[in-house]
């Protein structure tokens, strides 16, 4: 039996009063997908929204970069669905 390690990466970035948590996950065929959470820090309770990219990327670094960009775009718009 062969057990392989699942490698995922995470990053945390602050953007316009929010915190974006980006996590990449490996897919079959040496590709990656990305999910991200946005925390809204407005002085009251922290609101957290979860999004999945529904996309695949050629590398872990590309997925992380895309997730951060998607998070920033969500913050700049209205938090609509990611896919």
PDB file of N, CA and C in Angstrom:
ATOM      1  N   UNK A   1       0.847  -1.181   0.000  1.00  0.00           N
ATOM      2  CA  UNK A   1       0.000   0.000   0.000  1.00  0.00           C
ATOM      3  C   UNK A   1       0.891   1.242   0.000  1.00  0.00           C
ATOM      4  N   UNK A   2       0.561   2.182  -0.868  1.00  0.00           N
ATOM      5  CA  UNK A   2       1.304   3.430  -0.955  1.00  0.00           C
ATOM      6  C   UNK A   2       0.429   4.535  -0.394  1.00  0.00           C
ATOM      7  N   UNK A   3       0.984   5.258   0.535  1.00  0.00           N
ATOM      8  CA  UNK A   3       0.277   6.393   1.119  1.00  0.00           C
ATOM      9  C   UNK A   3       1.013   7.646   0.689  1.00  0.00           C
ATOM     10  N   UNK A   4       0.313   8.524   0.005  1.00  0.00           N
ATOM     11  CA  UNK A   4       0.947   9.772  -0.417  1.00  0.00           C
ATOM     12  C   UNK A   4       0.504  10.904   0.488  1.00  0.00           C
ATOM     13  N   UNK A   5       1.354  11.889   0.571  1.00  0.00           N
ATOM     14  CA  UNK A   5       1.037  13.056   1.392  1.00  0.00           C
ATOM     15  C   UNK A   5       0.223  14.054   0.578  1.00  0.00           C
ATOM     16  N   UNK A   6      -0.762  14.606   1.197  1.00  0.00           N
ATOM     17  CA  UNK A   6      -1.543  15.664   0.569  1.00  0.00           C
ATOM     18  C   UNK A   6      -0.926  16.977   1.008  1.00  0.00           C
ATOM     19  N   UNK A   7      -0.441  17.727   0.057  1.00  0.00           N
ATOM     20  CA  UNK A   7       0.225  18.986   0.355  1.00  0.00           C
ATOM     21  C   UNK A   7      -0.728  20.130   0.053  1.00  0.00           C
ATOM     22  N   UNK A   8      -0.953  20.957   1.047  1.00  0.00           N
ATOM     23  CA  UNK A   8      -1.745  22.145   0.826  1.00  0.00           C
ATOM     24  C   UNK A   8      -0.995  23.329   1.397  1.00  0.00           C
ATOM     25  N   UNK A   9      -1.251  24.499   0.857  1.00  0.00           N
ATOM     26  CA  UNK A   9      -0.596  25.720   1.313  1.00  0.00           C
ATOM     27  C   UNK A   9      -1.645  26.701   1.798  1.00  0.00           C
ATOM     28  N   UNK A  10      -1.226  27.527   2.727  1.00  0.00           N
ATOM     29  CA  UNK A  10      -2.131  28.555   3.251  1.00  0.00           C
ATOM     30  C   UNK A  10      -1.399  29.886   3.347  1.00  0.00           C
ATOM     31  N   UNK A  11      -2.166  30.937   3.203  1.00  0.00           N
ATOM     32  CA  UNK A  11      -1.623  32.267   3.415  1.00  0.00           C
ATOM     33  C   UNK A  11      -2.714  33.147   4.014  1.00  0.00           C
ATOM     34  N   UNK A  12      -2.297  34.187   4.681  1.00  0.00           N
ATOM     35  CA  UNK A  12      -3.213  35.138   5.319  1.00  0.00           C
ATOM     36  C   UNK A  12      -2.774  36.531   4.914  1.00  0.00           C
ATOM     37  N   UNK A  13      -3.721  37.347   4.427  1.00  0.00           N
ATOM     38  CA  UNK A  13      -3.404  38.704   3.991  1.00  0.00           C
ATOM     39  C   UNK A  13      -4.488  39.659   4.452  1.00  0.00           C
ATOM     40  N   UNK A  14      -4.082  40.857   4.813  1.00  0.00           N
ATOM     41  CA  UNK A  14      -5.036  41.906   5.174  1.00  0.00           C
ATOM     42  C   UNK A  14      -5.281  42.770   3.948  1.00  0.00           C
ATOM     43  N   UNK A  15      -6.560  43.164   3.770  1.00  0.00           N
ATOM     44  CA  UNK A  15      -6.928  43.970   2.609  1.00  0.00           C
ATOM     45  C   UNK A  15      -8.181  44.774   2.936  1.00  0.00           C
ATOM     46  N   UNK A  16      -8.092  46.090   2.910  1.00  0.00           N
ATOM     47  CA  UNK A  16      -9.233  47.002   3.108  1.00  0.00           C
ATOM     48  C   UNK A  16     -10.101  46.652   4.316  1.00  0.00           C
ATOM     49  N   UNK A  17      -9.474  46.439   5.471  1.00  0.00           N
ATOM     50  CA  UNK A  17     -10.230  46.154   6.688  1.00  0.00           C
ATOM     51  C   UNK A  17     -10.731  44.725   6.793  1.00  0.00           C
ATOM     52  N   UNK A  18     -10.298  43.857   5.914  1.00  0.00           N
ATOM     53  CA  UNK A  18     -10.679  42.449   5.907  1.00  0.00           C
ATOM     54  C   UNK A  18      -9.423  41.591   6.009  1.00  0.00           C
ATOM     55  N   UNK A  19      -9.608  40.337   6.350  1.00  0.00           N
ATOM     56  CA  UNK A  19      -8.524  39.370   6.317  1.00  0.00           C
ATOM     57  C   UNK A  19      -8.926  38.277   5.342  1.00  0.00           C
ATOM     58  N   UNK A  20      -8.024  37.972   4.408  1.00  0.00           N
ATOM     59  CA  UNK A  20      -8.270  36.927   3.414  1.00  0.00           C
ATOM     60  C   UNK A  20      -7.386  35.733   3.767  1.00  0.00           C
ATOM     61  N   UNK A  21      -8.012  34.583   4.002  1.00  0.00           N
ATOM     62  CA  UNK A  21      -7.298  33.332   4.245  1.00  0.00           C
ATOM     63  C   UNK A  21      -7.428  32.500   2.968  1.00  0.00           C
ATOM     64  N   UNK A  22      -6.307  32.174   2.352  1.00  0.00           N
ATOM     65  CA  UNK A  22      -6.296  31.432   1.090  1.00  0.00           C
ATOM     66  C   UNK A  22      -5.664  30.063   1.337  1.00  0.00           C
ATOM     67  N   UNK A  23      -6.319  29.010   0.853  1.00  0.00           N
ATOM     68  CA  UNK A  23      -5.805  27.640   0.992  1.00  0.00           C
ATOM     69  C   UNK A  23      -5.853  26.953  -0.361  1.00  0.00           C
ATOM     70  N   UNK A  24      -4.706  26.409  -0.791  1.00  0.00           N
ATOM     71  CA  UNK A  24      -4.673  25.639  -2.038  1.00  0.00           C
ATOM     72  C   UNK A  24      -4.707  24.155  -1.703  1.00  0.00           C
ATOM     73  N   UNK A  25      -5.331  23.386  -2.589  1.00  0.00           N
ATOM     74  CA  UNK A  25      -5.463  21.939  -2.416  1.00  0.00           C
ATOM     75  C   UNK A  25      -5.011  21.249  -3.696  1.00  0.00           C
ATOM     76  N   UNK A  26      -4.273  20.144  -3.580  1.00  0.00           N
ATOM     77  CA  UNK A  26      -3.865  19.417  -4.784  1.00  0.00           C
ATOM     78  C   UNK A  26      -5.045  18.681  -5.411  1.00  0.00           C
ATOM     79  N   UNK A  27      -5.015  18.593  -6.728  1.00  0.00           N
ATOM     80  CA  UNK A  27      -5.991  17.836  -7.504  1.00  0.00           C
ATOM     81  C   UNK A  27      -5.255  16.729  -8.252  1.00  0.00           C
ATOM     82  N   UNK A  28      -5.999  15.866  -8.864  1.00  0.00           N
ATOM     83  CA  UNK A  28      -5.388  14.831  -9.716  1.00  0.00           C
ATOM     84  C   UNK A  28      -4.675  15.504 -10.884  1.00  0.00           C
ATOM     85  N   UNK A  29      -3.682  14.844 -11.412  1.00  0.00           N
ATOM     86  CA  UNK A  29      -2.974  15.379 -12.570  1.00  0.00           C
ATOM     87  C   UNK A  29      -2.029  16.511 -12.237  1.00  0.00           C
ATOM     88  N   UNK A  30      -1.555  16.570 -11.004  1.00  0.00           N
ATOM     89  CA  UNK A  30      -0.587  17.589 -10.566  1.00  0.00           C
ATOM     90  C   UNK A  30      -1.126  19.006 -10.729  1.00  0.00           C
ATOM     91  N   UNK A  31      -2.415  19.197 -10.530  1.00  0.00           N
ATOM     92  CA  UNK A  31      -3.035  20.522 -10.582  1.00  0.00           C
ATOM     93  C   UNK A  31      -3.486  20.898  -9.172  1.00  0.00           C
ATOM     94  N   UNK A  32      -3.911  22.139  -9.005  1.00  0.00           N
ATOM     95  CA  UNK A  32      -4.330  22.651  -7.698  1.00  0.00           C
ATOM     96  C   UNK A  32      -5.615  23.445  -7.838  1.00  0.00           C
ATOM     97  N   UNK A  33      -6.389  23.478  -6.770  1.00  0.00           N
ATOM     98  CA  UNK A  33      -7.542  24.367  -6.689  1.00  0.00           C
ATOM     99  C   UNK A  33      -7.354  25.230  -5.449  1.00  0.00           C
ATOM    100  N   UNK A  34      -8.218  26.213  -5.282  1.00  0.00           N
ATOM    101  CA  UNK A  34      -8.055  27.129  -4.155  1.00  0.00           C
ATOM    102  C   UNK A  34      -9.412  27.497  -3.567  1.00  0.00           C
ATOM    103  N   UNK A  35      -9.444  27.583  -2.259  1.00  0.00           N
ATOM    104  CA  UNK A  35     -10.596  28.089  -1.505  1.00  0.00           C
ATOM    105  C   UNK A  35     -10.099  29.298  -0.725  1.00  0.00           C
ATOM    106  N   UNK A  36     -11.013  30.208  -0.420  1.00  0.00           N
ATOM    107  CA  UNK A  36     -10.611  31.348   0.401  1.00  0.00           C
ATOM    108  C   UNK A  36     -11.752  31.759   1.315  1.00  0.00           C
ATOM    109  N   UNK A  37     -11.369  32.299   2.463  1.00  0.00           N
ATOM    110  CA  UNK A  37     -12.303  32.829   3.444  1.00  0.00           C
ATOM    111  C   UNK A  37     -12.010  34.304   3.619  1.00  0.00           C
ATOM    112  N   UNK A  38     -13.061  35.092   3.768  1.00  0.00           N
ATOM    113  CA  UNK A  38     -12.910  36.521   4.011  1.00  0.00           C
ATOM    114  C   UNK A  38     -13.515  36.834   5.365  1.00  0.00           C
ATOM    115  N   UNK A  39     -12.697  37.441   6.225  1.00  0.00           N
ATOM    116  CA  UNK A  39     -13.167  37.912   7.531  1.00  0.00           C
ATOM    117  C   UNK A  39     -13.402  39.406   7.431  1.00  0.00           C
ATOM    118  N   UNK A  40     -14.597  39.844   7.791  1.00  0.00           N
ATOM    119  CA  UNK A  40     -14.915  41.267   7.822  1.00  0.00           C
ATOM    120  C   UNK A  40     -14.741  41.763   9.251  1.00  0.00           C
ATOM    121  N   UNK A  41     -13.820  42.671   9.445  1.00  0.00           N
ATOM    122  CA  UNK A  41     -13.556  43.260  10.756  1.00  0.00           C
ATOM    123  C   UNK A  41     -14.161  44.660  10.775  1.00  0.00           C
ATOM    124  N   UNK A  42     -15.374  44.755  11.307  1.00  0.00           N
ATOM    125  CA  UNK A  42     -16.108  46.028  11.267  1.00  0.00           C
ATOM    126  C   UNK A  42     -16.320  46.650  12.637  1.00  0.00           C
ATOM    127  N   UNK A  43     -15.684  46.112  13.663  1.00  0.00           N
ATOM    128  CA  UNK A  43     -15.858  46.645  15.012  1.00  0.00           C
ATOM    129  C   UNK A  43     -16.823  45.835  15.841  1.00  0.00           C
ATOM    130  N   UNK A  44     -17.681  45.055  15.203  1.00  0.00           N
ATOM    131  CA  UNK A  44     -18.615  44.176  15.907  1.00  0.00           C
ATOM    132  C   UNK A  44     -18.125  42.747  15.785  1.00  0.00           C
ATOM    133  N   UNK A  45     -19.052  41.813  15.752  1.00  0.00           N
ATOM    134  CA  UNK A  45     -18.648  40.416  15.552  1.00  0.00           C
ATOM    135  C   UNK A  45     -17.943  40.250  14.198  1.00  0.00           C
ATOM    136  N   UNK A  46     -16.969  39.383  14.135  1.00  0.00           N
ATOM    137  CA  UNK A  46     -16.250  39.118  12.892  1.00  0.00           C
ATOM    138  C   UNK A  46     -17.102  38.201  12.026  1.00  0.00           C
ATOM    139  N   UNK A  47     -17.386  38.651  10.812  1.00  0.00           N
ATOM    140  CA  UNK A  47     -18.166  37.862   9.860  1.00  0.00           C
ATOM    141  C   UNK A  47     -17.204  37.126   8.936  1.00  0.00           C
ATOM    142  N   UNK A  48     -17.391  35.823   8.780  1.00  0.00           N
ATOM    143  CA  UNK A  48     -16.528  35.019   7.911  1.00  0.00           C
ATOM    144  C   UNK A  48     -17.365  34.425   6.787  1.00  0.00           C
ATOM    145  N   UNK A  49     -16.893  34.598   5.549  1.00  0.00           N
ATOM    146  CA  UNK A  49     -17.554  34.016   4.377  1.00  0.00           C
ATOM    147  C   UNK A  49     -16.565  33.101   3.677  1.00  0.00           C
ATOM    148  N   UNK A  50     -17.045  31.942   3.230  1.00  0.00           N
ATOM    149  CA  UNK A  50     -16.205  30.953   2.562  1.00  0.00           C
ATOM    150  C   UNK A  50     -16.529  30.913   1.076  1.00  0.00           C
ATOM    151  N   UNK A  51     -15.480  30.817   0.242  1.00  0.00           N
ATOM    152  CA  UNK A  51     -15.640  30.741  -1.204  1.00  0.00           C
ATOM    153  C   UNK A  51     -14.744  29.644  -1.764  1.00  0.00           C
ATOM    154  N   UNK A  52     -15.196  28.991  -2.803  1.00  0.00           N
ATOM    155  CA  UNK A  52     -14.406  28.005  -3.530  1.00  0.00           C
ATOM    156  C   UNK A  52     -14.250  28.502  -4.957  1.00  0.00           C
ATOM    157  N   UNK A  53     -13.071  28.369  -5.506  1.00  0.00           N
ATOM    158  CA  UNK A  53     -12.790  28.958  -6.820  1.00  0.00           C
ATOM    159  C   UNK A  53     -13.448  28.223  -7.979  1.00  0.00           C
ATOM    160  N   UNK A  54     -13.666  26.913  -7.849  1.00  0.00           N
ATOM    161  CA  UNK A  54     -14.201  26.103  -8.952  1.00  0.00           C
ATOM    162  C   UNK A  54     -13.281  26.142 -10.167  1.00  0.00           C
ATOM    163  N   UNK A  55     -11.999  26.347  -9.937  1.00  0.00           N
ATOM    164  CA  UNK A  55     -11.015  26.411 -11.004  1.00  0.00           C
ATOM    165  C   UNK A  55      -9.820  25.531 -10.646  1.00  0.00           C
ATOM    166  N   UNK A  56      -9.022  25.181 -11.651  1.00  0.00           N
ATOM    167  CA  UNK A  56      -7.781  24.467 -11.378  1.00  0.00           C
ATOM    168  C   UNK A  56      -6.613  25.278 -11.927  1.00  0.00           C
ATOM    169  N   UNK A  57      -5.458  25.088 -11.300  1.00  0.00           N
ATOM    170  CA  UNK A  57      -4.269  25.873 -11.624  1.00  0.00           C
ATOM    171  C   UNK A  57      -3.078  24.941 -11.792  1.00  0.00           C
ATOM    172  N   UNK A  58      -2.098  25.377 -12.566  1.00  0.00           N
ATOM    173  CA  UNK A  58      -0.940  24.545 -12.886  1.00  0.00           C
ATOM    174  C   UNK A  58       0.010  24.364 -11.705  1.00  0.00           C
ATOM    175  N   UNK A  59       0.011  25.300 -10.765  1.00  0.00           N
ATOM    176  CA  UNK A  59       0.943  25.197  -9.639  1.00  0.00           C
ATOM    177  C   UNK A  59       0.288  25.678  -8.352  1.00  0.00           C
ATOM    178  N   UNK A  60       0.883  25.284  -7.255  1.00  0.00           N
ATOM    179  CA  UNK A  60       0.434  25.723  -5.942  1.00  0.00           C
ATOM    180  C   UNK A  60       0.535  27.240  -5.830  1.00  0.00           C
ATOM    181  N   UNK A  61       1.660  27.804  -6.278  1.00  0.00           N
ATOM    182  CA  UNK A  61       1.868  29.253  -6.197  1.00  0.00           C
ATOM    183  C   UNK A  61       0.832  30.003  -7.028  1.00  0.00           C
ATOM    184  N   UNK A  62       0.509  29.485  -8.211  1.00  0.00           N
ATOM    185  CA  UNK A  62      -0.505  30.116  -9.061  1.00  0.00           C
ATOM    186  C   UNK A  62      -1.873  30.086  -8.384  1.00  0.00           C
ATOM    187  N   UNK A  63      -2.198  28.981  -7.733  1.00  0.00           N
ATOM    188  CA  UNK A  63      -3.477  28.863  -7.029  1.00  0.00           C
ATOM    189  C   UNK A  63      -3.564  29.859  -5.880  1.00  0.00           C
ATOM    190  N   UNK A  64      -2.495  29.963  -5.096  1.00  0.00           N
ATOM    191  CA  UNK A  64      -2.483  30.902  -3.966  1.00  0.00           C
ATOM    192  C   UNK A  64      -2.638  32.334  -4.464  1.00  0.00           C
ATOM    193  N   UNK A  65      -1.905  32.695  -5.498  1.00  0.00           N
ATOM    194  CA  UNK A  65      -1.990  34.045  -6.061  1.00  0.00           C
ATOM    195  C   UNK A  65      -3.400  34.336  -6.578  1.00  0.00           C
ATOM    196  N   UNK A  66      -3.987  33.380  -7.267  1.00  0.00           N
ATOM    197  CA  UNK A  66      -5.342  33.559  -7.796  1.00  0.00           C
ATOM    198  C   UNK A  66      -6.357  33.686  -6.667  1.00  0.00           C
ATOM    199  N   UNK A  67      -6.202  32.887  -5.612  1.00  0.00           N
ATOM    200  CA  UNK A  67      -7.114  32.969  -4.474  1.00  0.00           C
ATOM    201  C   UNK A  67      -7.076  34.323  -3.799  1.00  0.00           C
ATOM    202  N   UNK A  68      -5.878  34.875  -3.643  1.00  0.00           N
ATOM    203  CA  UNK A  68      -5.752  36.211  -3.053  1.00  0.00           C
ATOM    204  C   UNK A  68      -6.422  37.246  -3.946  1.00  0.00           C
ATOM    205  N   UNK A  69      -6.188  37.150  -5.244  1.00  0.00           N
ATOM    206  CA  UNK A  69      -6.798  38.093  -6.193  1.00  0.00           C
ATOM    207  C   UNK A  69      -8.328  37.980  -6.161  1.00  0.00           C
ATOM    208  N   UNK A  70      -8.846  36.735  -6.115  1.00  0.00           N
ATOM    209  CA  UNK A  70     -10.302  36.540  -6.047  1.00  0.00           C
ATOM    210  C   UNK A  70     -10.868  37.130  -4.752  1.00  0.00           C
ATOM    211  N   UNK A  71     -10.166  36.944  -3.657  1.00  0.00           N
ATOM    212  CA  UNK A  71     -10.607  37.507  -2.387  1.00  0.00           C
ATOM    213  C   UNK A  71     -10.670  39.024  -2.441  1.00  0.00           C
ATOM    214  N   UNK A  72      -9.646  39.642  -3.019  1.00  0.00           N
ATOM    215  CA  UNK A  72      -9.631  41.098  -3.154  1.00  0.00           C
ATOM    216  C   UNK A  72     -10.780  41.579  -4.035  1.00  0.00           C
ATOM    217  N   UNK A  73     -11.039  40.844  -5.121  1.00  0.00           N
ATOM    218  CA  UNK A  73     -12.144  41.211  -6.008  1.00  0.00           C
ATOM    219  C   UNK A  73     -13.489  41.095  -5.290  1.00  0.00           C
ATOM    220  N   UNK A  74     -13.653  40.060  -4.457  1.00  0.00           N
ATOM    221  CA  UNK A  74     -14.900  39.896  -3.694  1.00  0.00           C
ATOM    222  C   UNK A  74     -15.097  41.064  -2.750  1.00  0.00           C
ATOM    223  N   UNK A  75     -14.030  41.468  -2.087  1.00  0.00           N
ATOM    224  CA  UNK A  75     -14.113  42.591  -1.146  1.00  0.00           C
ATOM    225  C   UNK A  75     -14.461  43.879  -1.914  1.00  0.00           C
ATOM    226  N   UNK A  76     -13.842  44.067  -3.061  1.00  0.00           N
ATOM    227  CA  UNK A  76     -14.086  45.286  -3.842  1.00  0.00           C
ATOM    228  C   UNK A  76     -15.480  45.322  -4.459  1.00  0.00           C
ATOM    229  N   UNK A  77     -16.136  44.163  -4.578  1.00  0.00           N
ATOM    230  CA  UNK A  77     -17.491  44.129  -5.132  1.00  0.00           C
ATOM    231  C   UNK A  77     -18.476  43.919  -3.992  1.00  0.00           C
ATOM    232  N   UNK A  78     -19.246  42.861  -4.038  1.00  0.00           N
ATOM    233  CA  UNK A  78     -20.296  42.712  -3.031  1.00  0.00           C
ATOM    234  C   UNK A  78     -20.354  41.336  -2.375  1.00  0.00           C
ATOM    235  N   UNK A  79     -19.269  40.575  -2.458  1.00  0.00           N
ATOM    236  CA  UNK A  79     -19.229  39.236  -1.846  1.00  0.00           C
ATOM    237  C   UNK A  79     -20.172  38.260  -2.533  1.00  0.00           C
ATOM    238  N   UNK A  80     -20.460  38.421  -3.806  1.00  0.00           N
ATOM    239  CA  UNK A  80     -21.320  37.471  -4.525  1.00  0.00           C
ATOM    240  C   UNK A  80     -20.681  36.101  -4.586  1.00  0.00           C
ATOM    241  N   UNK A  81     -21.365  35.118  -5.158  1.00  0.00           N
ATOM    242  CA  UNK A  81     -20.822  33.763  -5.242  1.00  0.00           C
ATOM    243  C   UNK A  81     -19.519  33.716  -6.015  1.00  0.00           C
ATOM    244  N   UNK A  82     -18.623  32.800  -5.614  1.00  0.00           N
ATOM    245  CA  UNK A  82     -17.335  32.666  -6.284  1.00  0.00           C
ATOM    246  C   UNK A  82     -17.459  31.907  -7.597  1.00  0.00           C
ATOM    247  N   UNK A  83     -18.439  31.010  -7.719  1.00  0.00           N
ATOM    248  CA  UNK A  83     -18.562  30.240  -8.968  1.00  0.00           C
ATOM    249  C   UNK A  83     -20.019  29.928  -9.244  1.00  0.00           C
TER     250      UNK A  83
END
